[in-house]
Amino acid sequence: MAEMANELLLYAAENGSLEGVKTALKAGADIDCDQPADSDIIRSGTPLYHASFNGHVDIVKLLLRKEASVAKRTRFSFATLHAAANGGRTEVVDLLVQHGATLDIRDAWQYTPLMCASMYKHVGTVRRLIEHGARADLTDGPGRSLVAQRYCELGMEIGRHGSEECLKLLEDARKSKLLRCCNPKCGKPGYRLIDLRF
């Protein structure tokens, strides 16, 4: 019975059925369930992950109220914040950060959510992540280039809309040397100095 409820929850969260999510939770679904280990690895992820990627804000709000984990990762180490950033879901990014999501969390390829949003030229999401305090100075490994900047520059070369604006946001954030405090729960408004030696 629980396995069927889990399947329903995953399907409903991914496809935007708020009533389906409520029904699955009432039937005893595990709020942080994942696809079975023998399923397609690409479809790995919790209900919150899938709702975040697809921008189903009402479902994200419900799952967060029910204490779904913002930290649980997929088999590729993608966090829920990566999903929201990849999909350009700025409102979902806000909700996840308000519920304690780690801004500069890295996936299996060392990409952060800011890098993911930059890759797909989601200007509004890039701006919001920077406003929340995401670090624009991070690389994808020791001595490597700034991934977010590299993707924006590549986008400009091939004429991708939003590339130039994303690049400007990233450069401005790095030049300022100050980024907003990223922990909304700490109660200490202000800024933190970043190390620009890269």
Protein backbone atom coordinates (compact mmCIF):
# COMPACT_ATOMS: atom_id res chain seq x y z
CA MET A 1 0.00 0.00 0.00
CA ALA A 2 2.78 2.47 0.95
CA GLU A 3 4.63 1.70 -2.28
CA MET A 4 1.57 2.61 -4.35
CA ALA A 5 1.09 5.79 -2.31
CA ASN A 6 4.74 6.71 -2.95
CA GLU A 7 4.31 6.18 -6.69
CA LEU A 8 1.18 8.33 -6.67
CA LEU A 9 2.97 11.07 -4.73
CA LEU A 10 5.91 11.14 -7.14
CA TYR A 11 3.61 11.17 -10.18
CA ALA A 12 1.32 13.85 -8.75
CA ALA A 13 4.20 16.12 -7.66
CA GLU A 14 5.90 15.87 -11.04
CA ASN A 15 2.70 16.49 -12.99
CA GLY A 16 1.26 19.29 -10.88
CA SER A 17 -1.70 17.52 -9.26
CA LEU A 18 -2.18 19.15 -5.86
CA GLU A 19 -5.14 16.89 -5.09
CA GLY A 20 -3.11 13.84 -6.06
CA VAL A 21 -0.33 14.91 -3.68
CA LYS A 22 -2.83 15.38 -0.85
CA THR A 23 -4.42 11.98 -1.54
CA ALA A 24 -1.03 10.23 -1.59
CA LEU A 25 0.03 11.84 1.68
CA LYS A 26 -3.25 10.82 3.33
CA ALA A 27 -2.65 7.27 2.08
CA GLY A 28 0.67 7.18 3.94
CA ALA A 29 3.20 8.10 1.27
CA ASP A 30 6.73 8.91 2.43
CA ILE A 31 7.11 12.64 1.77
CA ASP A 32 10.79 12.15 0.88
CA CYS A 33 10.39 8.99 -1.21
CA ASP A 34 12.48 8.52 -4.35
CA GLN A 35 12.08 6.44 -7.46
CA PRO A 36 12.88 2.73 -6.89
CA ALA A 37 16.57 1.87 -7.32
CA ASP A 38 15.87 -0.09 -10.52
CA SER A 39 14.05 2.82 -12.18
CA ASP A 40 15.41 5.24 -14.77
CA ILE A 41 18.25 7.15 -13.07
CA ILE A 42 17.26 10.38 -14.85
CA ARG A 43 13.90 10.31 -13.06
CA SER A 44 15.56 10.06 -9.66
CA GLY A 45 14.36 12.62 -7.12
CA THR A 46 11.89 13.28 -4.35
CA PRO A 47 8.42 14.75 -4.85
CA LEU A 48 9.80 18.15 -3.74
CA TYR A 49 12.59 17.86 -6.30
CA HIS A 50 10.17 17.16 -9.16
CA ALA A 51 7.67 19.84 -8.09
CA SER A 52 10.54 22.34 -7.81
CA PHE A 53 11.93 21.56 -11.26
CA ASN A 54 8.50 21.88 -12.85
CA GLY A 55 7.56 25.04 -10.96
CA HIS A 56 4.49 23.64 -9.19
CA VAL A 57 4.53 26.34 -6.49
CA ASP A 58 1.40 25.19 -4.61
CA ILE A 59 2.78 21.67 -4.34
CA VAL A 60 6.18 22.97 -3.22
CA LYS A 61 4.49 25.05 -0.51
CA LEU A 62 2.45 22.07 0.68
CA LEU A 63 5.45 19.72 0.77
CA LEU A 64 7.54 22.29 2.65
CA ARG A 65 4.72 22.81 5.19
CA LYS A 66 4.71 19.03 5.67
CA GLU A 67 8.49 19.21 6.29
CA ALA A 68 9.82 17.67 3.09
CA SER A 69 13.63 17.69 3.07
CA VAL A 70 15.30 20.46 1.07
CA ALA A 71 18.63 18.66 1.54
CA LYS A 72 17.88 15.20 0.10
CA ARG A 73 19.70 14.62 -3.18
CA THR A 74 19.18 12.57 -6.34
CA ARG A 75 21.54 9.82 -7.43
CA PHE A 76 23.59 12.49 -9.28
CA SER A 77 23.75 14.57 -6.10
CA PHE A 78 21.37 17.19 -7.45
CA ALA A 79 19.65 19.02 -4.63
CA THR A 80 16.19 20.50 -4.83
CA LEU A 81 17.69 23.97 -5.27
CA HIS A 82 19.55 22.70 -8.36
CA ALA A 83 16.21 21.57 -9.79
CA ALA A 84 14.57 24.96 -9.24
CA ALA A 85 17.61 26.81 -10.67
CA ASN A 86 17.79 24.52 -13.74
CA GLY A 87 14.14 25.17 -14.45
CA GLY A 88 14.39 28.93 -13.85
CA ARG A 89 11.81 28.70 -11.05
CA THR A 90 12.63 31.90 -9.16
CA GLU A 91 9.62 31.75 -6.83
CA VAL A 92 10.52 28.18 -5.88
CA VAL A 93 14.14 29.24 -5.28
CA ASP A 94 12.83 31.82 -2.78
CA LEU A 95 10.73 29.22 -0.97
CA LEU A 96 13.57 26.71 -0.76
CA VAL A 97 16.04 29.30 0.57
CA GLN A 98 13.48 30.45 3.15
CA HIS A 99 13.29 26.81 4.29
CA GLY A 100 17.04 26.44 4.71
CA ALA A 101 18.31 25.23 1.32
CA THR A 102 22.08 25.61 1.00
CA LEU A 103 22.81 28.22 -1.68
CA ASP A 104 26.19 26.99 -2.85
CA ILE A 105 25.49 23.26 -2.62
CA ARG A 106 27.37 21.27 -5.26
CA ASP A 107 26.26 18.34 -7.38
CA ALA A 108 28.37 15.43 -8.64
CA TRP A 109 30.02 17.71 -11.24
CA GLN A 110 30.71 20.43 -8.63
CA TYR A 111 28.05 22.75 -10.08
CA THR A 112 26.13 25.08 -7.79
CA PRO A 113 22.53 26.21 -8.37
CA LEU A 114 23.87 29.59 -9.59
CA MET A 115 25.97 27.81 -12.20
CA CYS A 116 22.92 25.81 -13.30
CA ALA A 117 20.73 28.91 -13.64
CA SER A 118 23.51 30.63 -15.62
CA MET A 119 23.86 27.65 -17.97
CA TYR A 120 20.24 27.96 -18.99
CA LYS A 121 20.25 31.79 -19.05
CA HIS A 122 17.55 32.16 -16.39
CA VAL A 123 18.32 35.83 -15.73
CA GLY A 124 15.70 36.32 -13.01
CA THR A 125 16.85 33.22 -11.15
CA VAL A 126 20.53 34.23 -11.46
CA ARG A 127 19.66 37.65 -10.05
CA ARG A 128 17.67 36.18 -7.16
CA LEU A 129 20.34 33.64 -6.22
CA ILE A 130 22.92 36.44 -6.13
CA GLU A 131 20.54 38.56 -4.02
CA HIS A 132 20.22 35.66 -1.59
CA GLY A 133 24.01 35.45 -1.35
CA ALA A 134 25.05 32.75 -3.82
CA ARG A 135 28.75 33.00 -4.56
CA ALA A 136 29.56 34.12 -8.09
CA ASP A 137 33.27 33.46 -7.56
CA LEU A 138 33.14 29.67 -7.32
CA THR A 139 34.73 27.35 -9.85
CA ASP A 140 33.90 23.76 -10.74
CA GLY A 141 37.20 22.56 -9.28
CA PRO A 142 40.70 23.65 -8.25
CA GLY A 143 42.26 26.04 -10.74
CA ARG A 144 39.36 25.86 -13.15
CA SER A 145 37.36 28.63 -14.75
CA LEU A 146 34.20 30.19 -13.43
CA VAL A 147 31.55 27.87 -14.80
CA ALA A 148 28.69 30.34 -14.63
CA GLN A 149 30.70 32.98 -16.51
CA ARG A 150 31.95 30.46 -19.07
CA TYR A 151 28.39 29.43 -19.99
CA CYS A 152 27.25 33.05 -20.30
CA GLU A 153 30.18 33.86 -22.58
CA LEU A 154 29.47 30.80 -24.71
CA GLY A 155 25.83 31.84 -24.95
CA MET A 156 26.85 35.30 -26.13
CA GLU A 157 29.03 33.75 -28.86
CA ILE A 158 26.08 31.81 -30.27
CA GLY A 159 23.54 34.60 -29.69
CA ARG A 160 21.56 33.06 -26.79
CA HIS A 161 19.07 35.48 -25.26
CA GLY A 162 19.88 36.43 -21.66
CA SER A 163 23.57 35.54 -21.83
CA GLU A 164 24.87 39.11 -21.70
CA GLU A 165 22.62 40.07 -18.79
CA CYS A 166 23.58 36.94 -16.82
CA LEU A 167 27.27 37.70 -17.39
CA LYS A 168 26.83 41.29 -16.16
CA LEU A 169 25.07 40.11 -13.00
CA LEU A 170 27.88 37.65 -12.26
CA GLU A 171 30.63 40.18 -12.93
CA ASP A 172 28.94 42.84 -10.78
CA ALA A 173 28.57 40.38 -7.90
CA ARG A 174 32.25 39.43 -8.09
CA LYS A 175 33.46 43.03 -8.43
CA SER A 176 31.50 44.24 -5.42
CA LYS A 177 33.52 41.86 -3.19
CA LEU A 178 30.53 41.84 -0.90
CA LEU A 179 27.63 39.46 -1.07
CA ARG A 180 24.48 39.56 0.97
CA CYS A 181 24.29 37.30 3.99
CA CYS A 182 22.67 34.11 2.74
CA ASN A 183 21.24 32.71 5.96
CA PRO A 184 17.75 34.15 6.43
CA LYS A 185 17.40 32.36 9.77
CA CYS A 186 20.53 33.80 11.40
CA GLY A 187 18.84 37.12 12.20
CA LYS A 188 21.98 39.07 11.34
CA PRO A 189 21.39 41.33 8.37
CA GLY A 190 24.49 42.43 6.54
CA TYR A 191 27.15 41.31 4.20
CA ARG A 192 30.06 38.93 4.10
CA LEU A 193 33.37 39.50 2.39
CA ILE A 194 34.27 36.99 -0.31
CA ASP A 195 37.70 35.86 -1.42
CA LEU A 196 38.24 36.95 -5.01
CA ARG A 197 41.57 35.14 -5.48
CA PHE A 198 40.63 32.69 -8.23
